Amino acid sequence: MSIFISCAEATKQIIRKEEEPLSSSEARKLKVHLFLCKYCKSFARQSEMINRALKSEGPALKLDPEFKKMLNNPHSTGS
């Protein structure tokens, strides 16, 4: 089992961890990836800043389940 994940998988985990906790294995793999990849590290920082700003503005906003599906599978047509 590899400790390395792709940028696509790291991005999904960065987004998902705002909604639910990652498993210890997922968190460890994401930490390794962020240590090695400056692009995903930057995305994670930006995502955290956006989420903090949204949380400070009032009630939590939730993504529509269909939109979440589209984010997780960007190559689908959505029809």
N, C-alpha and C. Protein backbone atom coordinates (compact mmCIF):
# COMPACT_ATOMS: atom_id res chain seq x y z
N MET A 1 0.84 -1.18 0.00
CA MET A 1 0.00 0.00 0.00
C MET A 1 0.89 1.25 0.00
N SER A 2 0.64 2.14 -0.92
CA SER A 2 1.47 3.33 -1.08
C SER A 2 1.05 4.43 -0.12
N ILE A 3 2.01 5.22 0.29
CA ILE A 3 1.70 6.38 1.13
C ILE A 3 1.51 7.63 0.28
N PHE A 4 1.63 7.49 -1.03
CA PHE A 4 1.52 8.63 -1.94
C PHE A 4 0.14 8.66 -2.59
N ILE A 5 -0.42 9.86 -2.69
CA ILE A 5 -1.70 10.05 -3.39
C ILE A 5 -1.50 11.10 -4.47
N SER A 6 -2.40 11.10 -5.44
CA SER A 6 -2.33 12.06 -6.54
C SER A 6 -2.84 13.42 -6.08
N CYS A 7 -2.59 14.42 -6.89
CA CYS A 7 -3.10 15.77 -6.60
C CYS A 7 -4.63 15.76 -6.62
N ALA A 8 -5.21 15.00 -7.53
CA ALA A 8 -6.68 14.92 -7.60
C ALA A 8 -7.24 14.35 -6.31
N GLU A 9 -6.63 13.29 -5.80
CA GLU A 9 -7.10 12.68 -4.55
C GLU A 9 -6.85 13.63 -3.38
N ALA A 10 -5.73 14.31 -3.37
CA ALA A 10 -5.44 15.27 -2.30
C ALA A 10 -6.49 16.39 -2.29
N THR A 11 -6.84 16.87 -3.46
CA THR A 11 -7.85 17.93 -3.56
C THR A 11 -9.19 17.46 -3.01
N LYS A 12 -9.59 16.25 -3.37
CA LYS A 12 -10.85 15.70 -2.85
C LYS A 12 -10.82 15.61 -1.33
N GLN A 13 -9.70 15.17 -0.79
CA GLN A 13 -9.59 15.03 0.66
C GLN A 13 -9.58 16.37 1.36
N ILE A 14 -8.93 17.36 0.76
CA ILE A 14 -8.91 18.71 1.34
C ILE A 14 -10.33 19.25 1.44
N ILE A 15 -11.10 19.05 0.39
CA ILE A 15 -12.49 19.52 0.39
C ILE A 15 -13.33 18.71 1.37
N ARG A 16 -13.18 17.40 1.35
CA ARG A 16 -13.99 16.52 2.19
C ARG A 16 -13.73 16.72 3.68
N LYS A 17 -12.48 17.04 4.03
CA LYS A 17 -12.17 17.15 5.46
C LYS A 17 -12.87 18.34 6.12
N GLU A 18 -13.40 19.25 5.34
CA GLU A 18 -14.18 20.35 5.90
C GLU A 18 -15.58 19.87 6.31
N GLU A 19 -16.03 18.79 5.72
CA GLU A 19 -17.36 18.26 6.01
C GLU A 19 -17.33 17.11 7.02
N GLU A 20 -16.26 16.31 6.96
CA GLU A 20 -16.17 15.13 7.82
C GLU A 20 -14.70 14.81 8.08
N PRO A 21 -14.42 14.17 9.20
CA PRO A 21 -13.02 13.85 9.49
C PRO A 21 -12.49 12.76 8.54
N LEU A 22 -11.22 12.88 8.22
CA LEU A 22 -10.56 11.86 7.42
C LEU A 22 -10.12 10.72 8.33
N SER A 23 -9.99 9.53 7.75
CA SER A 23 -9.45 8.42 8.52
C SER A 23 -7.99 8.74 8.83
N SER A 24 -7.41 8.03 9.79
CA SER A 24 -6.01 8.30 10.13
C SER A 24 -5.10 8.01 8.93
N SER A 25 -5.42 6.99 8.15
CA SER A 25 -4.63 6.67 6.96
C SER A 25 -4.73 7.78 5.91
N GLU A 26 -5.96 8.27 5.68
CA GLU A 26 -6.15 9.35 4.72
C GLU A 26 -5.43 10.62 5.17
N ALA A 27 -5.56 10.95 6.45
CA ALA A 27 -4.91 12.15 6.98
C ALA A 27 -3.40 12.06 6.84
N ARG A 28 -2.84 10.88 7.11
CA ARG A 28 -1.38 10.69 7.00
C ARG A 28 -0.94 10.85 5.54
N LYS A 29 -1.66 10.25 4.61
CA LYS A 29 -1.31 10.37 3.19
C LYS A 29 -1.43 11.81 2.71
N LEU A 30 -2.47 12.50 3.16
CA LEU A 30 -2.64 13.90 2.77
C LEU A 30 -1.49 14.75 3.33
N LYS A 31 -1.11 14.50 4.56
CA LYS A 31 -0.01 15.26 5.18
C LYS A 31 1.29 15.07 4.39
N VAL A 32 1.57 13.84 3.98
CA VAL A 32 2.77 13.56 3.18
C VAL A 32 2.68 14.30 1.85
N HIS A 33 1.50 14.23 1.21
CA HIS A 33 1.34 14.88 -0.10
C HIS A 33 1.54 16.39 0.03
N LEU A 34 0.95 16.99 1.07
CA LEU A 34 1.07 18.45 1.25
C LEU A 34 2.50 18.86 1.56
N PHE A 35 3.25 17.99 2.20
CA PHE A 35 4.66 18.28 2.47
C PHE A 35 5.46 18.32 1.16
N LEU A 36 5.06 17.49 0.19
CA LEU A 36 5.81 17.37 -1.06
C LEU A 36 5.30 18.27 -2.20
N CYS A 37 4.04 18.68 -2.14
CA CYS A 37 3.42 19.39 -3.27
C CYS A 37 3.02 20.81 -2.89
N LYS A 38 3.76 21.78 -3.42
CA LYS A 38 3.48 23.17 -3.07
C LYS A 38 2.14 23.65 -3.63
N TYR A 39 1.68 23.06 -4.72
CA TYR A 39 0.41 23.49 -5.32
C TYR A 39 -0.77 23.07 -4.46
N CYS A 40 -0.76 21.83 -4.01
CA CYS A 40 -1.84 21.36 -3.15
C CYS A 40 -1.78 22.02 -1.78
N LYS A 41 -0.57 22.29 -1.31
CA LYS A 41 -0.41 22.99 -0.04
C LYS A 41 -1.04 24.39 -0.12
N SER A 42 -0.82 25.05 -1.24
CA SER A 42 -1.42 26.36 -1.46
C SER A 42 -2.94 26.26 -1.53
N PHE A 43 -3.44 25.24 -2.24
CA PHE A 43 -4.89 25.03 -2.34
C PHE A 43 -5.48 24.78 -0.96
N ALA A 44 -4.80 23.98 -0.14
CA ALA A 44 -5.29 23.68 1.21
C ALA A 44 -5.38 24.95 2.04
N ARG A 45 -4.36 25.79 1.96
CA ARG A 45 -4.37 27.06 2.72
C ARG A 45 -5.52 27.95 2.26
N GLN A 46 -5.69 28.06 0.94
CA GLN A 46 -6.77 28.89 0.40
C GLN A 46 -8.13 28.35 0.82
N SER A 47 -8.28 27.04 0.76
CA SER A 47 -9.54 26.40 1.16
C SER A 47 -9.84 26.67 2.63
N GLU A 48 -8.83 26.56 3.48
CA GLU A 48 -9.02 26.83 4.91
C GLU A 48 -9.41 28.28 5.15
N MET A 49 -8.78 29.22 4.44
CA MET A 49 -9.12 30.64 4.60
C MET A 49 -10.57 30.89 4.17
N ILE A 50 -10.98 30.31 3.06
CA ILE A 50 -12.35 30.49 2.57
C ILE A 50 -13.35 29.92 3.58
N ASN A 51 -13.06 28.72 4.08
CA ASN A 51 -13.97 28.09 5.03
C ASN A 51 -14.06 28.87 6.33
N ARG A 52 -12.94 29.41 6.80
CA ARG A 52 -12.98 30.24 8.01
C ARG A 52 -13.83 31.49 7.77
N ALA A 53 -13.66 32.11 6.61
CA ALA A 53 -14.42 33.32 6.30
C ALA A 53 -15.92 33.01 6.22
N LEU A 54 -16.26 31.90 5.60
CA LEU A 54 -17.67 31.53 5.50
C LEU A 54 -18.28 31.23 6.86
N LYS A 55 -17.52 30.55 7.71
CA LYS A 55 -18.03 30.21 9.04
C LYS A 55 -18.22 31.45 9.90
N SER A 56 -17.39 32.46 9.71
CA SER A 56 -17.51 33.67 10.51
C SER A 56 -18.65 34.56 10.05
N GLU A 57 -19.19 34.29 8.88
CA GLU A 57 -20.26 35.11 8.32
C GLU A 57 -21.65 34.70 8.78
N GLY A 58 -21.78 33.60 9.48
CA GLY A 58 -23.11 33.19 9.94
C GLY A 58 -23.28 31.70 9.89
N PRO A 59 -24.53 31.25 9.68
CA PRO A 59 -24.80 29.82 9.70
C PRO A 59 -24.02 29.08 8.61
N ALA A 60 -23.69 27.85 8.92
CA ALA A 60 -22.90 27.03 7.98
C ALA A 60 -23.66 26.83 6.68
N LEU A 61 -22.95 26.96 5.60
CA LEU A 61 -23.52 26.69 4.29
C LEU A 61 -23.19 25.25 3.91
N LYS A 62 -24.13 24.57 3.31
CA LYS A 62 -23.92 23.19 2.88
C LYS A 62 -24.04 23.13 1.37
N LEU A 63 -23.15 22.35 0.77
CA LEU A 63 -23.21 22.15 -0.68
C LEU A 63 -24.36 21.22 -1.02
N ASP A 64 -25.01 21.49 -2.13
CA ASP A 64 -26.05 20.63 -2.66
C ASP A 64 -25.44 19.26 -2.97
N PRO A 65 -26.10 18.16 -2.61
CA PRO A 65 -25.54 16.83 -2.87
C PRO A 65 -25.21 16.58 -4.34
N GLU A 66 -26.00 17.09 -5.25
CA GLU A 66 -25.70 16.92 -6.68
C GLU A 66 -24.44 17.66 -7.08
N PHE A 67 -24.23 18.84 -6.51
CA PHE A 67 -23.02 19.61 -6.80
C PHE A 67 -21.80 18.88 -6.26
N LYS A 68 -21.92 18.26 -5.07
CA LYS A 68 -20.83 17.47 -4.51
C LYS A 68 -20.46 16.32 -5.44
N LYS A 69 -21.50 15.65 -6.00
CA LYS A 69 -21.24 14.56 -6.94
C LYS A 69 -20.46 15.06 -8.15
N MET A 70 -20.85 16.24 -8.66
CA MET A 70 -20.18 16.80 -9.81
C MET A 70 -18.72 17.13 -9.47
N LEU A 71 -18.46 17.64 -8.28
CA LEU A 71 -17.09 17.94 -7.88
C LEU A 71 -16.24 16.68 -7.79
N ASN A 72 -16.86 15.61 -7.32
CA ASN A 72 -16.13 14.35 -7.17
C ASN A 72 -15.94 13.62 -8.48
N ASN A 73 -16.75 13.95 -9.49
CA ASN A 73 -16.62 13.30 -10.80
C ASN A 73 -16.77 14.38 -11.88
N PRO A 74 -15.72 15.20 -12.07
CA PRO A 74 -15.84 16.35 -12.98
C PRO A 74 -16.01 15.99 -14.45
N HIS A 75 -15.79 14.73 -14.82
CA HIS A 75 -15.90 14.34 -16.21
C HIS A 75 -17.29 13.85 -16.57
N SER A 76 -18.20 13.79 -15.60
CA SER A 76 -19.56 13.38 -15.91
C SER A 76 -20.31 14.57 -16.49
N THR A 77 -21.36 14.29 -17.22
CA THR A 77 -22.12 15.35 -17.88
C THR A 77 -23.14 15.98 -16.97
N GLY A 78 -23.48 15.28 -15.86
CA GLY A 78 -24.46 15.81 -14.95
C GLY A 78 -25.88 15.61 -15.39
N SER A 79 -26.11 14.90 -16.51
CA SER A 79 -27.47 14.65 -17.00
C SER A 79 -27.94 13.29 -16.60
